[in-house]
ModelCIF file with pLDDT and N, C-alpha, C, O atoms, coordinates in Angstrom:
data_MODEL
#
_entry.id   MODEL 
#
_entity.id                         1 
_entity.type                       polymer 
_entity.pdbx_number_of_molecules   1 
#
_entity_poly.entity_id                      1 
_entity_poly.type                           'polypeptide(L)' 
_entity_poly.nstd_linkage                   no 
_entity_poly.nstd_monomer                   no 
_entity_poly.pdbx_seq_one_letter_code       
;(UNK)(UNK)(UNK)(UNK)(UNK)(UNK)(UNK)(UNK)(UNK)(UNK)(UNK)(UNK)(UNK)(UNK)(UNK)(UNK)
(UNK)(UNK)(UNK)(UNK)(UNK)(UNK)(UNK)(UNK)(UNK)(UNK)(UNK)(UNK)(UNK)(UNK)
;
_entity_poly.pdbx_seq_one_letter_code_can   XXXXXXXXXXXXXXXXXXXXXXXXXXXXXX 
_entity_poly.pdbx_strand_id                 A 
#
loop_
_entity_poly_seq.entity_id 
_entity_poly_seq.num 
_entity_poly_seq.mon_id 
_entity_poly_seq.hetero 
1 1  UNK n 
1 2  UNK n 
1 3  UNK n 
1 4  UNK n 
1 5  UNK n 
1 6  UNK n 
1 7  UNK n 
1 8  UNK n 
1 9  UNK n 
1 10 UNK n 
1 11 UNK n 
1 12 UNK n 
1 13 UNK n 
1 14 UNK n 
1 15 UNK n 
1 16 UNK n 
1 17 UNK n 
1 18 UNK n 
1 19 UNK n 
1 20 UNK n 
1 21 UNK n 
1 22 UNK n 
1 23 UNK n 
1 24 UNK n 
1 25 UNK n 
1 26 UNK n 
1 27 UNK n 
1 28 UNK n 
1 29 UNK n 
1 30 UNK n 
#
_struct_asym.id          A 
_struct_asym.entity_id   1 
#
loop_
_ma_qa_metric.id 
_ma_qa_metric.mode 
_ma_qa_metric.name 
_ma_qa_metric.software_group_id 
_ma_qa_metric.type 
1 global pLDDT . pLDDT 
2 local  pLDDT . pLDDT 
#
_ma_qa_metric_global.metric_id      1 
_ma_qa_metric_global.metric_value   86.20 
_ma_qa_metric_global.model_id       1 
_ma_qa_metric_global.ordinal_id     1 
#
loop_
_ma_qa_metric_local.label_asym_id 
_ma_qa_metric_local.label_comp_id 
_ma_qa_metric_local.label_seq_id 
_ma_qa_metric_local.metric_id 
_ma_qa_metric_local.metric_value 
_ma_qa_metric_local.model_id 
_ma_qa_metric_local.ordinal_id 
A UNK 1  2 95.00 1 1  
A UNK 2  2 95.00 1 2  
A UNK 3  2 96.00 1 3  
A UNK 4  2 96.00 1 4  
A UNK 5  2 94.00 1 5  
A UNK 6  2 94.00 1 6  
A UNK 7  2 87.00 1 7  
A UNK 8  2 84.00 1 8  
A UNK 9  2 78.00 1 9  
A UNK 10 2 72.00 1 10 
A UNK 11 2 71.00 1 11 
A UNK 12 2 79.00 1 12 
A UNK 13 2 87.00 1 13 
A UNK 14 2 90.00 1 14 
A UNK 15 2 86.00 1 15 
A UNK 16 2 88.00 1 16 
A UNK 17 2 86.00 1 17 
A UNK 18 2 84.00 1 18 
A UNK 19 2 83.00 1 19 
A UNK 20 2 80.00 1 20 
A UNK 21 2 80.00 1 21 
A UNK 22 2 84.00 1 22 
A UNK 23 2 85.00 1 23 
A UNK 24 2 85.00 1 24 
A UNK 25 2 84.00 1 25 
A UNK 26 2 88.00 1 26 
A UNK 27 2 91.00 1 27 
A UNK 28 2 88.00 1 28 
A UNK 29 2 87.00 1 29 
A UNK 30 2 89.00 1 30 
#
loop_
_atom_site.group_PDB 
_atom_site.id 
_atom_site.type_symbol 
_atom_site.label_atom_id 
_atom_site.label_alt_id 
_atom_site.label_comp_id 
_atom_site.label_asym_id 
_atom_site.label_entity_id 
_atom_site.label_seq_id 
_atom_site.pdbx_PDB_ins_code 
_atom_site.Cartn_x 
_atom_site.Cartn_y 
_atom_site.Cartn_z 
_atom_site.occupancy 
_atom_site.B_iso_or_equiv 
_atom_site.pdbx_formal_charge 
_atom_site.auth_seq_id 
_atom_site.auth_comp_id 
_atom_site.auth_asym_id 
_atom_site.auth_atom_id 
_atom_site.pdbx_PDB_model_num 
ATOM 1   N N  . UNK A 1 1  ? -47.562 -57.611 131.989 1.00 95.00 ? 1  UNK A N  1 
ATOM 2   C CA . UNK A 1 1  ? -46.911 -56.516 131.287 1.00 95.00 ? 1  UNK A CA 1 
ATOM 3   C C  . UNK A 1 1  ? -45.556 -56.995 130.773 1.00 95.00 ? 1  UNK A C  1 
ATOM 4   O O  . UNK A 1 1  ? -44.914 -57.845 131.390 1.00 95.00 ? 1  UNK A O  1 
ATOM 5   N N  . UNK A 1 2  ? -45.133 -56.448 129.651 1.00 95.00 ? 2  UNK A N  1 
ATOM 6   C CA . UNK A 1 2  ? -43.861 -56.834 129.056 1.00 95.00 ? 2  UNK A CA 1 
ATOM 7   C C  . UNK A 1 2  ? -43.514 -55.878 127.918 1.00 95.00 ? 2  UNK A C  1 
ATOM 8   O O  . UNK A 1 2  ? -44.368 -55.166 127.390 1.00 95.00 ? 2  UNK A O  1 
ATOM 9   N N  . UNK A 1 3  ? -42.239 -55.888 127.563 1.00 96.00 ? 3  UNK A N  1 
ATOM 10  C CA . UNK A 1 3  ? -41.781 -55.253 126.336 1.00 96.00 ? 3  UNK A CA 1 
ATOM 11  C C  . UNK A 1 3  ? -41.712 -56.332 125.277 1.00 96.00 ? 3  UNK A C  1 
ATOM 12  O O  . UNK A 1 3  ? -41.229 -57.433 125.545 1.00 96.00 ? 3  UNK A O  1 
ATOM 13  N N  . UNK A 1 4  ? -42.189 -56.035 124.079 1.00 96.00 ? 4  UNK A N  1 
ATOM 14  C CA . UNK A 1 4  ? -42.127 -57.004 122.991 1.00 96.00 ? 4  UNK A CA 1 
ATOM 15  C C  . UNK A 1 4  ? -41.506 -56.351 121.759 1.00 96.00 ? 4  UNK A C  1 
ATOM 16  O O  . UNK A 1 4  ? -41.591 -55.138 121.562 1.00 96.00 ? 4  UNK A O  1 
ATOM 17  N N  . UNK A 1 5  ? -40.882 -57.186 120.941 1.00 94.00 ? 5  UNK A N  1 
ATOM 18  C CA . UNK A 1 5  ? -40.329 -56.732 119.670 1.00 94.00 ? 5  UNK A CA 1 
ATOM 19  C C  . UNK A 1 5  ? -41.235 -57.197 118.543 1.00 94.00 ? 5  UNK A C  1 
ATOM 20  O O  . UNK A 1 5  ? -41.683 -58.343 118.527 1.00 94.00 ? 5  UNK A O  1 
ATOM 21  N N  . UNK A 1 6  ? -41.498 -56.319 117.621 1.00 94.00 ? 6  UNK A N  1 
ATOM 22  C CA . UNK A 1 6  ? -42.279 -56.645 116.437 1.00 94.00 ? 6  UNK A CA 1 
ATOM 23  C C  . UNK A 1 6  ? -41.348 -56.631 115.227 1.00 94.00 ? 6  UNK A C  1 
ATOM 24  O O  . UNK A 1 6  ? -40.607 -55.670 115.017 1.00 94.00 ? 6  UNK A O  1 
ATOM 25  N N  . UNK A 1 7  ? -41.391 -57.694 114.442 1.00 87.00 ? 7  UNK A N  1 
ATOM 26  C CA . UNK A 1 7  ? -40.582 -57.781 113.231 1.00 87.00 ? 7  UNK A CA 1 
ATOM 27  C C  . UNK A 1 7  ? -41.514 -58.085 112.060 1.00 87.00 ? 7  UNK A C  1 
ATOM 28  O O  . UNK A 1 7  ? -42.232 -59.085 112.068 1.00 87.00 ? 7  UNK A O  1 
ATOM 29  N N  . UNK A 1 8  ? -41.492 -57.221 111.069 1.00 84.00 ? 8  UNK A N  1 
ATOM 30  C CA . UNK A 1 8  ? -42.335 -57.431 109.901 1.00 84.00 ? 8  UNK A CA 1 
ATOM 31  C C  . UNK A 1 8  ? -41.546 -58.164 108.827 1.00 84.00 ? 8  UNK A C  1 
ATOM 32  O O  . UNK A 1 8  ? -40.495 -57.702 108.382 1.00 84.00 ? 8  UNK A O  1 
ATOM 33  N N  . UNK A 1 9  ? -42.070 -59.315 108.419 1.00 78.00 ? 9  UNK A N  1 
ATOM 34  C CA . UNK A 1 9  ? -41.495 -60.066 107.301 1.00 78.00 ? 9  UNK A CA 1 
ATOM 35  C C  . UNK A 1 9  ? -42.555 -60.093 106.206 1.00 78.00 ? 9  UNK A C  1 
ATOM 36  O O  . UNK A 1 9  ? -43.638 -60.649 106.390 1.00 78.00 ? 9  UNK A O  1 
ATOM 37  N N  . UNK A 1 10 ? -42.236 -59.493 105.078 1.00 72.00 ? 10 UNK A N  1 
ATOM 38  C CA . UNK A 1 10 ? -43.226 -59.349 104.022 1.00 72.00 ? 10 UNK A CA 1 
ATOM 39  C C  . UNK A 1 10 ? -43.816 -60.689 103.606 1.00 72.00 ? 10 UNK A C  1 
ATOM 40  O O  . UNK A 1 10 ? -43.118 -61.702 103.545 1.00 72.00 ? 10 UNK A O  1 
ATOM 41  N N  . UNK A 1 11 ? -45.111 -60.676 103.321 1.00 71.00 ? 11 UNK A N  1 
ATOM 42  C CA . UNK A 1 11 ? -45.795 -61.868 102.847 1.00 71.00 ? 11 UNK A CA 1 
ATOM 43  C C  . UNK A 1 11 ? -45.837 -61.824 101.323 1.00 71.00 ? 11 UNK A C  1 
ATOM 44  O O  . UNK A 1 11 ? -46.787 -61.304 100.738 1.00 71.00 ? 11 UNK A O  1 
ATOM 45  N N  . UNK A 1 12 ? -44.820 -62.362 100.691 1.00 79.00 ? 12 UNK A N  1 
ATOM 46  C CA . UNK A 1 12 ? -44.746 -62.390 99.235  1.00 79.00 ? 12 UNK A CA 1 
ATOM 47  C C  . UNK A 1 12 ? -44.574 -63.828 98.778  1.00 79.00 ? 12 UNK A C  1 
ATOM 48  O O  . UNK A 1 12 ? -43.934 -64.629 99.459  1.00 79.00 ? 12 UNK A O  1 
ATOM 49  N N  . UNK A 1 13 ? -45.146 -64.157 97.621  1.00 87.00 ? 13 UNK A N  1 
ATOM 50  C CA . UNK A 1 13 ? -45.016 -65.505 97.081  1.00 87.00 ? 13 UNK A CA 1 
ATOM 51  C C  . UNK A 1 13 ? -43.665 -65.711 96.411  1.00 87.00 ? 13 UNK A C  1 
ATOM 52  O O  . UNK A 1 13 ? -43.028 -66.752 96.572  1.00 87.00 ? 13 UNK A O  1 
ATOM 53  N N  . UNK A 1 14 ? -43.240 -64.705 95.658  1.00 90.00 ? 14 UNK A N  1 
ATOM 54  C CA . UNK A 1 14 ? -42.006 -64.798 94.883  1.00 90.00 ? 14 UNK A CA 1 
ATOM 55  C C  . UNK A 1 14 ? -41.127 -63.598 95.208  1.00 90.00 ? 14 UNK A C  1 
ATOM 56  O O  . UNK A 1 14 ? -41.619 -62.471 95.278  1.00 90.00 ? 14 UNK A O  1 
ATOM 57  N N  . UNK A 1 15 ? -39.833 -63.826 95.408  1.00 86.00 ? 15 UNK A N  1 
ATOM 58  C CA . UNK A 1 15 ? -38.917 -62.745 95.728  1.00 86.00 ? 15 UNK A CA 1 
ATOM 59  C C  . UNK A 1 15 ? -37.823 -62.592 94.687  1.00 86.00 ? 15 UNK A C  1 
ATOM 60  O O  . UNK A 1 15 ? -37.258 -63.577 94.211  1.00 86.00 ? 15 UNK A O  1 
ATOM 61  N N  . UNK A 1 16 ? -37.531 -61.351 94.340  1.00 88.00 ? 16 UNK A N  1 
ATOM 62  C CA . UNK A 1 16 ? -36.431 -61.043 93.431  1.00 88.00 ? 16 UNK A CA 1 
ATOM 63  C C  . UNK A 1 16 ? -35.189 -60.750 94.262  1.00 88.00 ? 16 UNK A C  1 
ATOM 64  O O  . UNK A 1 16 ? -35.201 -59.832 95.082  1.00 88.00 ? 16 UNK A O  1 
ATOM 65  N N  . UNK A 1 17 ? -34.125 -61.509 94.067  1.00 86.00 ? 17 UNK A N  1 
ATOM 66  C CA . UNK A 1 17 ? -32.884 -61.283 94.803  1.00 86.00 ? 17 UNK A CA 1 
ATOM 67  C C  . UNK A 1 17 ? -31.740 -61.112 93.807  1.00 86.00 ? 17 UNK A C  1 
ATOM 68  O O  . UNK A 1 17 ? -31.823 -61.545 92.658  1.00 86.00 ? 17 UNK A O  1 
ATOM 69  N N  . UNK A 1 18 ? -30.684 -60.480 94.271  1.00 84.00 ? 18 UNK A N  1 
ATOM 70  C CA . UNK A 1 18 ? -29.522 -60.286 93.425  1.00 84.00 ? 18 UNK A CA 1 
ATOM 71  C C  . UNK A 1 18 ? -28.745 -59.055 93.856  1.00 84.00 ? 18 UNK A C  1 
ATOM 72  O O  . UNK A 1 18 ? -29.169 -58.320 94.748  1.00 84.00 ? 18 UNK A O  1 
ATOM 73  N N  . UNK A 1 19 ? -27.611 -58.839 93.220  1.00 83.00 ? 19 UNK A N  1 
ATOM 74  C CA . UNK A 1 19 ? -26.779 -57.678 93.524  1.00 83.00 ? 19 UNK A CA 1 
ATOM 75  C C  . UNK A 1 19 ? -27.510 -56.379 93.161  1.00 83.00 ? 19 UNK A C  1 
ATOM 76  O O  . UNK A 1 19 ? -28.471 -56.404 92.393  1.00 83.00 ? 19 UNK A O  1 
ATOM 77  N N  . UNK A 1 20 ? -27.061 -55.254 93.707  1.00 80.00 ? 20 UNK A N  1 
ATOM 78  C CA . UNK A 1 20 ? -27.663 -53.969 93.310  1.00 80.00 ? 20 UNK A CA 1 
ATOM 79  C C  . UNK A 1 20 ? -27.500 -53.727 91.807  1.00 80.00 ? 20 UNK A C  1 
ATOM 80  O O  . UNK A 1 20 ? -26.514 -54.145 91.200  1.00 80.00 ? 20 UNK A O  1 
ATOM 81  N N  . UNK A 1 21 ? -28.470 -53.053 91.232  1.00 80.00 ? 21 UNK A N  1 
ATOM 82  C CA . UNK A 1 21 ? -28.437 -52.605 89.830  1.00 80.00 ? 21 UNK A CA 1 
ATOM 83  C C  . UNK A 1 21 ? -28.407 -53.734 88.807  1.00 80.00 ? 21 UNK A C  1 
ATOM 84  O O  . UNK A 1 21 ? -27.896 -53.552 87.702  1.00 80.00 ? 21 UNK A O  1 
ATOM 85  N N  . UNK A 1 22 ? -28.953 -54.906 89.163  1.00 84.00 ? 22 UNK A N  1 
ATOM 86  C CA . UNK A 1 22 ? -29.029 -55.976 88.166  1.00 84.00 ? 22 UNK A CA 1 
ATOM 87  C C  . UNK A 1 22 ? -30.352 -55.940 87.410  1.00 84.00 ? 22 UNK A C  1 
ATOM 88  O O  . UNK A 1 22 ? -30.540 -56.683 86.447  1.00 84.00 ? 22 UNK A O  1 
ATOM 89  N N  . UNK A 1 23 ? -31.278 -55.067 87.850  1.00 85.00 ? 23 UNK A N  1 
ATOM 90  C CA . UNK A 1 23 ? -32.529 -54.901 87.124  1.00 85.00 ? 23 UNK A CA 1 
ATOM 91  C C  . UNK A 1 23 ? -33.762 -55.419 87.820  1.00 85.00 ? 23 UNK A C  1 
ATOM 92  O O  . UNK A 1 23 ? -34.795 -55.599 87.175  1.00 85.00 ? 23 UNK A O  1 
ATOM 93  N N  . UNK A 1 24 ? -33.692 -55.669 89.129  1.00 85.00 ? 24 UNK A N  1 
ATOM 94  C CA . UNK A 1 24 ? -34.859 -56.199 89.848  1.00 85.00 ? 24 UNK A CA 1 
ATOM 95  C C  . UNK A 1 24 ? -36.027 -55.202 89.824  1.00 85.00 ? 24 UNK A C  1 
ATOM 96  O O  . UNK A 1 24 ? -37.168 -55.584 89.562  1.00 85.00 ? 24 UNK A O  1 
ATOM 97  N N  . UNK A 1 25 ? -35.738 -53.941 90.095  1.00 84.00 ? 25 UNK A N  1 
ATOM 98  C CA . UNK A 1 25 ? -36.801 -52.934 90.119  1.00 84.00 ? 25 UNK A CA 1 
ATOM 99  C C  . UNK A 1 25 ? -37.422 -52.760 88.739  1.00 84.00 ? 25 UNK A C  1 
ATOM 100 O O  . UNK A 1 25 ? -38.630 -52.555 88.619  1.00 84.00 ? 25 UNK A O  1 
ATOM 101 N N  . UNK A 1 26 ? -36.608 -52.841 87.708  1.00 88.00 ? 26 UNK A N  1 
ATOM 102 C CA . UNK A 1 26 ? -37.129 -52.716 86.344  1.00 88.00 ? 26 UNK A CA 1 
ATOM 103 C C  . UNK A 1 26 ? -38.063 -53.877 86.008  1.00 88.00 ? 26 UNK A C  1 
ATOM 104 O O  . UNK A 1 26 ? -39.070 -53.696 85.323  1.00 88.00 ? 26 UNK A O  1 
ATOM 105 N N  . UNK A 1 27 ? -37.722 -55.065 86.493  1.00 91.00 ? 27 UNK A N  1 
ATOM 106 C CA . UNK A 1 27 ? -38.562 -56.233 86.233  1.00 91.00 ? 27 UNK A CA 1 
ATOM 107 C C  . UNK A 1 27 ? -39.914 -56.087 86.908  1.00 91.00 ? 27 UNK A C  1 
ATOM 108 O O  . UNK A 1 27 ? -40.943 -56.305 86.269  1.00 91.00 ? 27 UNK A O  1 
ATOM 109 N N  . UNK A 1 28 ? -39.935 -55.723 88.189  1.00 88.00 ? 28 UNK A N  1 
ATOM 110 C CA . UNK A 1 28 ? -41.209 -55.629 88.890  1.00 88.00 ? 28 UNK A CA 1 
ATOM 111 C C  . UNK A 1 28 ? -42.060 -54.490 88.333  1.00 88.00 ? 28 UNK A C  1 
ATOM 112 O O  . UNK A 1 28 ? -43.288 -54.567 88.342  1.00 88.00 ? 28 UNK A O  1 
ATOM 113 N N  . UNK A 1 29 ? -41.406 -53.435 87.848  1.00 87.00 ? 29 UNK A N  1 
ATOM 114 C CA . UNK A 1 29 ? -42.154 -52.330 87.240  1.00 87.00 ? 29 UNK A CA 1 
ATOM 115 C C  . UNK A 1 29 ? -42.797 -52.768 85.921  1.00 87.00 ? 29 UNK A C  1 
ATOM 116 O O  . UNK A 1 29 ? -43.868 -52.278 85.561  1.00 87.00 ? 29 UNK A O  1 
ATOM 117 N N  . UNK A 1 30 ? -42.147 -53.687 85.202  1.00 89.00 ? 30 UNK A N  1 
ATOM 118 C CA . UNK A 1 30 ? -42.670 -54.161 83.928  1.00 89.00 ? 30 UNK A CA 1 
ATOM 119 C C  . UNK A 1 30 ? -43.838 -55.123 84.108  1.00 89.00 ? 30 UNK A C  1 
ATOM 120 O O  . UNK A 1 30 ? -44.392 -55.613 83.124  1.00 89.00 ? 30 UNK A O  1 
#
């Protein structure tokens, strides 16, 4: 018996990074 921590790290090939409001969401929507 034990307590365990689960951490989900998304399985993505390519990641969009950058400051807020630079247009990442608009790019993925397009």
